[in-house]
Amino acid sequence: MENNELEPIVPRNVLAKQGVSAVAYLAGGAFLMVMTIGSRLGFLGIVLSLAALVIGIGALVSKDREDKKAGIILTAAGILGLIIRFGIPILKPFAGFILGVGAIGLLAAGLWKGIKFLLGLRRMGK
């Protein structure tokens, strides 16, 4: 008996959830990265920050627990973007730093979840 036969197979619903989650994290990280760069550019910064704030508040109102987590992140990102654009000058660098770290963190989490998804998909194909 080979060692490959003893590897657990990931259930299809878990695998689908991992794939969707990976894409969502990557999209969120890309959005925060664009927002970090765009928040310093006049009208684009205002639009992106307000969009994140409105979508985040909408997700916070949802009954789904997973939506509330994303809502907190988006609401915080919207507030940080508005601080970068209109805030007290001493807070602007901190808000930009936190927004950038959040973007990198979401991108890293998306890559990790994507790797787990691809490994599970590979095991399923054997």
N, C-alpha and C. Protein backbone atom coordinates (compact mmCIF):
# COMPACT_ATOMS: atom_id res chain seq x y z
N MET A 1 0.84 -1.16 0.00
CA MET A 1 0.00 0.00 0.00
C MET A 1 0.89 1.24 0.00
N GLU A 2 0.57 2.17 -0.90
CA GLU A 2 1.36 3.39 -1.00
C GLU A 2 0.88 4.43 0.00
N ASN A 3 1.76 5.37 0.29
CA ASN A 3 1.45 6.42 1.24
C ASN A 3 0.35 7.34 0.71
N ASN A 4 0.23 7.48 -0.62
CA ASN A 4 -0.78 8.35 -1.23
C ASN A 4 -2.19 7.89 -0.92
N GLU A 5 -2.38 6.60 -0.72
CA GLU A 5 -3.70 6.06 -0.47
C GLU A 5 -4.24 6.44 0.91
N LEU A 6 -3.36 6.82 1.81
CA LEU A 6 -3.77 7.14 3.17
C LEU A 6 -4.09 8.62 3.37
N GLU A 7 -3.88 9.45 2.34
CA GLU A 7 -4.17 10.88 2.46
C GLU A 7 -5.68 11.09 2.50
N PRO A 8 -6.16 11.93 3.40
CA PRO A 8 -7.60 12.17 3.46
C PRO A 8 -8.08 12.97 2.25
N ILE A 9 -9.26 12.67 1.78
CA ILE A 9 -9.86 13.41 0.67
C ILE A 9 -10.77 14.48 1.26
N VAL A 10 -10.58 15.69 0.78
CA VAL A 10 -11.37 16.83 1.27
C VAL A 10 -12.76 16.74 0.65
N PRO A 11 -13.82 16.86 1.47
CA PRO A 11 -15.18 16.84 0.91
C PRO A 11 -15.40 17.98 -0.08
N ARG A 12 -16.25 17.74 -1.04
CA ARG A 12 -16.50 18.69 -2.12
C ARG A 12 -17.01 20.04 -1.60
N ASN A 13 -17.92 20.02 -0.61
CA ASN A 13 -18.46 21.29 -0.12
C ASN A 13 -17.38 22.11 0.60
N VAL A 14 -16.48 21.45 1.31
CA VAL A 14 -15.37 22.16 1.98
C VAL A 14 -14.43 22.73 0.94
N LEU A 15 -14.18 21.95 -0.11
CA LEU A 15 -13.28 22.40 -1.17
C LEU A 15 -13.87 23.62 -1.89
N ALA A 16 -15.16 23.59 -2.17
CA ALA A 16 -15.81 24.73 -2.82
C ALA A 16 -15.75 25.97 -1.93
N LYS A 17 -15.96 25.78 -0.63
CA LYS A 17 -15.90 26.90 0.31
C LYS A 17 -14.49 27.51 0.34
N GLN A 18 -13.47 26.64 0.30
CA GLN A 18 -12.09 27.12 0.30
C GLN A 18 -11.78 27.93 -0.96
N GLY A 19 -12.28 27.46 -2.10
CA GLY A 19 -12.05 28.18 -3.35
C GLY A 19 -12.70 29.55 -3.36
N VAL A 20 -13.95 29.60 -2.93
CA VAL A 20 -14.67 30.88 -2.89
C VAL A 20 -14.00 31.82 -1.88
N SER A 21 -13.60 31.28 -0.76
CA SER A 21 -12.94 32.08 0.27
C SER A 21 -11.61 32.64 -0.24
N ALA A 22 -10.85 31.82 -0.96
CA ALA A 22 -9.57 32.29 -1.50
C ALA A 22 -9.77 33.45 -2.46
N VAL A 23 -10.75 33.32 -3.34
CA VAL A 23 -11.03 34.39 -4.30
C VAL A 23 -11.49 35.66 -3.58
N ALA A 24 -12.33 35.50 -2.56
CA ALA A 24 -12.83 36.65 -1.82
C ALA A 24 -11.69 37.38 -1.09
N TYR A 25 -10.79 36.62 -0.47
CA TYR A 25 -9.66 37.23 0.23
C TYR A 25 -8.76 37.96 -0.76
N LEU A 26 -8.48 37.34 -1.90
CA LEU A 26 -7.62 37.98 -2.90
C LEU A 26 -8.27 39.24 -3.45
N ALA A 27 -9.57 39.19 -3.71
CA ALA A 27 -10.28 40.37 -4.21
C ALA A 27 -10.29 41.48 -3.15
N GLY A 28 -10.52 41.10 -1.91
CA GLY A 28 -10.51 42.09 -0.82
C GLY A 28 -9.13 42.72 -0.64
N GLY A 29 -8.09 41.90 -0.74
CA GLY A 29 -6.74 42.44 -0.64
C GLY A 29 -6.40 43.38 -1.77
N ALA A 30 -6.83 43.02 -2.99
CA ALA A 30 -6.59 43.89 -4.15
C ALA A 30 -7.37 45.19 -4.00
N PHE A 31 -8.62 45.10 -3.52
CA PHE A 31 -9.42 46.31 -3.30
C PHE A 31 -8.76 47.22 -2.26
N LEU A 32 -8.29 46.63 -1.17
CA LEU A 32 -7.63 47.46 -0.15
C LEU A 32 -6.33 48.07 -0.67
N MET A 33 -5.61 47.33 -1.52
CA MET A 33 -4.39 47.87 -2.09
C MET A 33 -4.70 49.06 -3.00
N VAL A 34 -5.74 48.92 -3.84
CA VAL A 34 -6.15 50.03 -4.70
C VAL A 34 -6.64 51.20 -3.84
N MET A 35 -7.35 50.86 -2.77
CA MET A 35 -7.86 51.90 -1.88
C MET A 35 -6.72 52.63 -1.17
N THR A 36 -5.68 51.90 -0.79
CA THR A 36 -4.53 52.52 -0.13
C THR A 36 -3.85 53.51 -1.06
N ILE A 37 -3.68 53.11 -2.31
CA ILE A 37 -3.04 53.99 -3.28
C ILE A 37 -3.99 55.11 -3.68
N GLY A 38 -5.26 54.77 -3.92
CA GLY A 38 -6.24 55.74 -4.40
C GLY A 38 -6.70 56.74 -3.36
N SER A 39 -6.53 56.42 -2.08
CA SER A 39 -7.02 57.32 -1.04
C SER A 39 -6.26 58.64 -1.01
N ARG A 40 -5.10 58.65 -1.60
CA ARG A 40 -4.32 59.89 -1.65
C ARG A 40 -4.67 60.73 -2.89
N LEU A 41 -5.50 60.15 -3.78
CA LEU A 41 -5.82 60.83 -5.04
C LEU A 41 -7.25 61.36 -5.02
N GLY A 42 -7.43 62.55 -4.65
CA GLY A 42 -8.69 63.28 -4.68
C GLY A 42 -9.98 62.49 -4.69
N PHE A 43 -10.71 62.60 -5.79
CA PHE A 43 -12.06 62.05 -5.89
C PHE A 43 -12.08 60.52 -5.79
N LEU A 44 -11.09 59.86 -6.38
CA LEU A 44 -11.03 58.39 -6.34
C LEU A 44 -10.96 57.89 -4.90
N GLY A 45 -10.18 58.55 -4.09
CA GLY A 45 -10.06 58.16 -2.68
C GLY A 45 -11.37 58.29 -1.93
N ILE A 46 -12.10 59.34 -2.22
CA ILE A 46 -13.39 59.55 -1.55
C ILE A 46 -14.38 58.49 -1.99
N VAL A 47 -14.45 58.22 -3.30
CA VAL A 47 -15.40 57.23 -3.82
C VAL A 47 -15.11 55.84 -3.28
N LEU A 48 -13.84 55.42 -3.32
CA LEU A 48 -13.48 54.08 -2.83
C LEU A 48 -13.74 53.93 -1.33
N SER A 49 -13.40 54.96 -0.57
CA SER A 49 -13.62 54.91 0.88
C SER A 49 -15.10 54.85 1.22
N LEU A 50 -15.90 55.68 0.55
CA LEU A 50 -17.34 55.67 0.80
C LEU A 50 -17.98 54.35 0.36
N ALA A 51 -17.50 53.79 -0.76
CA ALA A 51 -18.02 52.50 -1.22
C ALA A 51 -17.72 51.41 -0.20
N ALA A 52 -16.50 51.39 0.32
CA ALA A 52 -16.14 50.40 1.33
C ALA A 52 -16.97 50.58 2.59
N LEU A 53 -17.19 51.82 2.98
CA LEU A 53 -17.97 52.11 4.18
C LEU A 53 -19.43 51.67 4.01
N VAL A 54 -20.04 51.97 2.89
CA VAL A 54 -21.44 51.61 2.66
C VAL A 54 -21.60 50.09 2.56
N ILE A 55 -20.72 49.43 1.80
CA ILE A 55 -20.79 47.98 1.67
C ILE A 55 -20.53 47.31 3.02
N GLY A 56 -19.58 47.84 3.76
CA GLY A 56 -19.27 47.28 5.08
C GLY A 56 -20.43 47.40 6.05
N ILE A 57 -21.09 48.54 6.06
CA ILE A 57 -22.26 48.71 6.95
C ILE A 57 -23.39 47.79 6.50
N GLY A 58 -23.56 47.63 5.20
CA GLY A 58 -24.57 46.70 4.69
C GLY A 58 -24.29 45.27 5.13
N ALA A 59 -23.03 44.87 5.12
CA ALA A 59 -22.66 43.52 5.56
C ALA A 59 -22.83 43.36 7.07
N LEU A 60 -22.62 44.42 7.82
CA LEU A 60 -22.79 44.34 9.27
C LEU A 60 -24.25 44.12 9.66
N VAL A 61 -25.17 44.58 8.83
CA VAL A 61 -26.59 44.43 9.09
C VAL A 61 -27.06 42.99 8.80
N SER A 62 -26.28 42.27 8.01
CA SER A 62 -26.64 40.90 7.61
C SER A 62 -26.74 39.97 8.82
N LYS A 63 -27.52 38.90 8.67
CA LYS A 63 -27.67 37.93 9.75
C LYS A 63 -26.58 36.87 9.72
N ASP A 64 -25.89 36.73 8.58
CA ASP A 64 -24.84 35.73 8.45
C ASP A 64 -23.58 36.17 9.19
N ARG A 65 -23.03 35.28 9.98
CA ARG A 65 -21.87 35.59 10.81
C ARG A 65 -20.63 35.90 9.96
N GLU A 66 -20.45 35.15 8.87
CA GLU A 66 -19.30 35.38 7.99
C GLU A 66 -19.38 36.75 7.32
N ASP A 67 -20.58 37.19 6.98
CA ASP A 67 -20.75 38.51 6.37
C ASP A 67 -20.38 39.61 7.35
N LYS A 68 -20.64 39.39 8.63
CA LYS A 68 -20.31 40.40 9.64
C LYS A 68 -18.80 40.61 9.76
N LYS A 69 -18.02 39.51 9.62
CA LYS A 69 -16.56 39.64 9.67
C LYS A 69 -16.07 40.52 8.52
N ALA A 70 -16.58 40.24 7.32
CA ALA A 70 -16.19 41.06 6.17
C ALA A 70 -16.68 42.49 6.34
N GLY A 71 -17.86 42.65 6.94
CA GLY A 71 -18.41 43.98 7.17
C GLY A 71 -17.54 44.82 8.09
N ILE A 72 -17.00 44.20 9.12
CA ILE A 72 -16.11 44.91 10.04
C ILE A 72 -14.86 45.38 9.31
N ILE A 73 -14.29 44.49 8.49
CA ILE A 73 -13.07 44.84 7.76
C ILE A 73 -13.34 45.97 6.77
N LEU A 74 -14.43 45.86 6.02
CA LEU A 74 -14.74 46.90 5.04
C LEU A 74 -15.10 48.23 5.68
N THR A 75 -15.84 48.19 6.78
CA THR A 75 -16.18 49.43 7.48
C THR A 75 -14.92 50.11 8.01
N ALA A 76 -14.04 49.33 8.61
CA ALA A 76 -12.79 49.88 9.12
C ALA A 76 -11.94 50.45 7.98
N ALA A 77 -11.91 49.74 6.84
CA ALA A 77 -11.15 50.23 5.69
C ALA A 77 -11.73 51.54 5.17
N GLY A 78 -13.05 51.63 5.13
CA GLY A 78 -13.68 52.88 4.69
C GLY A 78 -13.35 54.04 5.61
N ILE A 79 -13.39 53.78 6.90
CA ILE A 79 -13.06 54.83 7.87
C ILE A 79 -11.60 55.24 7.74
N LEU A 80 -10.71 54.25 7.60
CA LEU A 80 -9.28 54.56 7.45
C LEU A 80 -9.03 55.35 6.16
N GLY A 81 -9.71 54.98 5.09
CA GLY A 81 -9.55 55.72 3.83
C GLY A 81 -10.00 57.17 3.96
N LEU A 82 -11.10 57.37 4.69
CA LEU A 82 -11.57 58.75 4.90
C LEU A 82 -10.62 59.52 5.82
N ILE A 83 -10.01 58.83 6.77
CA ILE A 83 -9.02 59.49 7.63
C ILE A 83 -7.82 59.92 6.81
N ILE A 84 -7.39 59.03 5.88
CA ILE A 84 -6.26 59.39 5.02
C ILE A 84 -6.59 60.63 4.19
N ARG A 85 -7.81 60.70 3.71
CA ARG A 85 -8.21 61.80 2.83
C ARG A 85 -8.52 63.09 3.59
N PHE A 86 -9.24 62.99 4.71
CA PHE A 86 -9.73 64.18 5.40
C PHE A 86 -9.25 64.32 6.84
N GLY A 87 -8.56 63.36 7.36
CA GLY A 87 -8.27 63.29 8.79
C GLY A 87 -7.23 64.26 9.29
N ILE A 88 -6.99 64.14 10.55
CA ILE A 88 -5.98 64.93 11.23
C ILE A 88 -4.62 64.53 10.67
N PRO A 89 -3.78 65.47 10.31
CA PRO A 89 -2.51 65.14 9.65
C PRO A 89 -1.63 64.13 10.40
N ILE A 90 -1.67 64.13 11.71
CA ILE A 90 -0.84 63.20 12.46
C ILE A 90 -1.36 61.75 12.36
N LEU A 91 -2.65 61.57 12.08
CA LEU A 91 -3.24 60.23 11.97
C LEU A 91 -3.11 59.64 10.57
N LYS A 92 -2.89 60.47 9.56
CA LYS A 92 -2.86 60.00 8.17
C LYS A 92 -1.82 58.91 7.92
N PRO A 93 -0.58 59.06 8.39
CA PRO A 93 0.40 57.99 8.13
C PRO A 93 0.02 56.68 8.81
N PHE A 94 -0.52 56.74 10.00
CA PHE A 94 -0.93 55.52 10.71
C PHE A 94 -2.07 54.82 9.99
N ALA A 95 -3.03 55.59 9.52
CA ALA A 95 -4.17 55.02 8.80
C ALA A 95 -3.69 54.37 7.50
N GLY A 96 -2.79 55.02 6.80
CA GLY A 96 -2.24 54.46 5.57
C GLY A 96 -1.47 53.18 5.82
N PHE A 97 -0.70 53.17 6.90
CA PHE A 97 0.08 51.98 7.26
C PHE A 97 -0.85 50.81 7.59
N ILE A 98 -1.86 51.06 8.40
CA ILE A 98 -2.79 50.00 8.80
C ILE A 98 -3.55 49.48 7.59
N LEU A 99 -3.95 50.35 6.70
CA LEU A 99 -4.66 49.94 5.49
C LEU A 99 -3.75 49.09 4.60
N GLY A 100 -2.50 49.48 4.47
CA GLY A 100 -1.54 48.71 3.68
C GLY A 100 -1.25 47.34 4.27
N VAL A 101 -1.10 47.29 5.59
CA VAL A 101 -0.87 46.01 6.26
C VAL A 101 -2.08 45.10 6.10
N GLY A 102 -3.27 45.68 6.20
CA GLY A 102 -4.49 44.91 6.00
C GLY A 102 -4.57 44.33 4.59
N ALA A 103 -4.18 45.13 3.60
CA ALA A 103 -4.20 44.66 2.21
C ALA A 103 -3.23 43.50 2.02
N ILE A 104 -2.03 43.64 2.55
CA ILE A 104 -1.03 42.57 2.43
C ILE A 104 -1.49 41.33 3.18
N GLY A 105 -2.10 41.52 4.35
CA GLY A 105 -2.60 40.39 5.12
C GLY A 105 -3.70 39.63 4.38
N LEU A 106 -4.63 40.36 3.76
CA LEU A 106 -5.69 39.70 3.01
C LEU A 106 -5.13 38.98 1.79
N LEU A 107 -4.17 39.58 1.11
CA LEU A 107 -3.55 38.91 -0.03
C LEU A 107 -2.83 37.64 0.40
N ALA A 108 -2.11 37.70 1.52
CA ALA A 108 -1.41 36.52 2.02
C ALA A 108 -2.40 35.42 2.42
N ALA A 109 -3.48 35.80 3.09
CA ALA A 109 -4.50 34.82 3.48
C ALA A 109 -5.16 34.20 2.24
N GLY A 110 -5.38 35.01 1.21
CA GLY A 110 -5.95 34.50 -0.03
C GLY A 110 -5.03 33.51 -0.72
N LEU A 111 -3.74 33.81 -0.72
CA LEU A 111 -2.78 32.88 -1.30
C LEU A 111 -2.75 31.57 -0.52
N TRP A 112 -2.76 31.65 0.80
CA TRP A 112 -2.74 30.45 1.63
C TRP A 112 -3.99 29.60 1.40
N LYS A 113 -5.14 30.25 1.37
CA LYS A 113 -6.38 29.52 1.13
C LYS A 113 -6.41 28.95 -0.29
N GLY A 114 -5.83 29.67 -1.24
CA GLY A 114 -5.75 29.16 -2.61
C GLY A 114 -4.86 27.93 -2.72
N ILE A 115 -3.75 27.94 -1.99
CA ILE A 115 -2.87 26.77 -1.97
C ILE A 115 -3.58 25.58 -1.36
N LYS A 116 -4.29 25.80 -0.25
CA LYS A 116 -5.05 24.71 0.37
C LYS A 116 -6.12 24.18 -0.58
N PHE A 117 -6.77 25.07 -1.32
CA PHE A 117 -7.78 24.67 -2.29
C PHE A 117 -7.15 23.81 -3.39
N LEU A 118 -6.03 24.26 -3.94
CA LEU A 118 -5.39 23.52 -5.02
C LEU A 118 -4.87 22.16 -4.56
N LEU A 119 -4.35 22.10 -3.33
CA LEU A 119 -3.90 20.81 -2.80
C LEU A 119 -5.08 19.86 -2.60
N GLY A 120 -6.18 20.38 -2.11
CA GLY A 120 -7.38 19.56 -1.95
C GLY A 120 -7.94 19.10 -3.28
N LEU A 121 -7.87 19.97 -4.28
CA LEU A 121 -8.34 19.63 -5.62
C LEU A 121 -7.46 18.54 -6.23
N ARG A 122 -6.16 18.65 -5.97
CA ARG A 122 -5.22 17.65 -6.47
C ARG A 122 -5.48 16.29 -5.84
N ARG A 123 -5.74 16.28 -4.53
CA ARG A 123 -6.02 15.01 -3.85
C ARG A 123 -7.32 14.38 -4.35
N MET A 124 -8.26 15.24 -4.68
CA MET A 124 -9.56 14.75 -5.14
C MET A 124 -9.43 14.08 -6.52
N GLY A 125 -8.50 14.56 -7.32
CA GLY A 125 -8.31 14.02 -8.67
C GLY A 125 -7.57 12.70 -8.70
N LYS A 126 -6.96 12.28 -7.61
CA LYS A 126 -6.19 11.03 -7.61
C LYS A 126 -7.08 9.83 -7.54
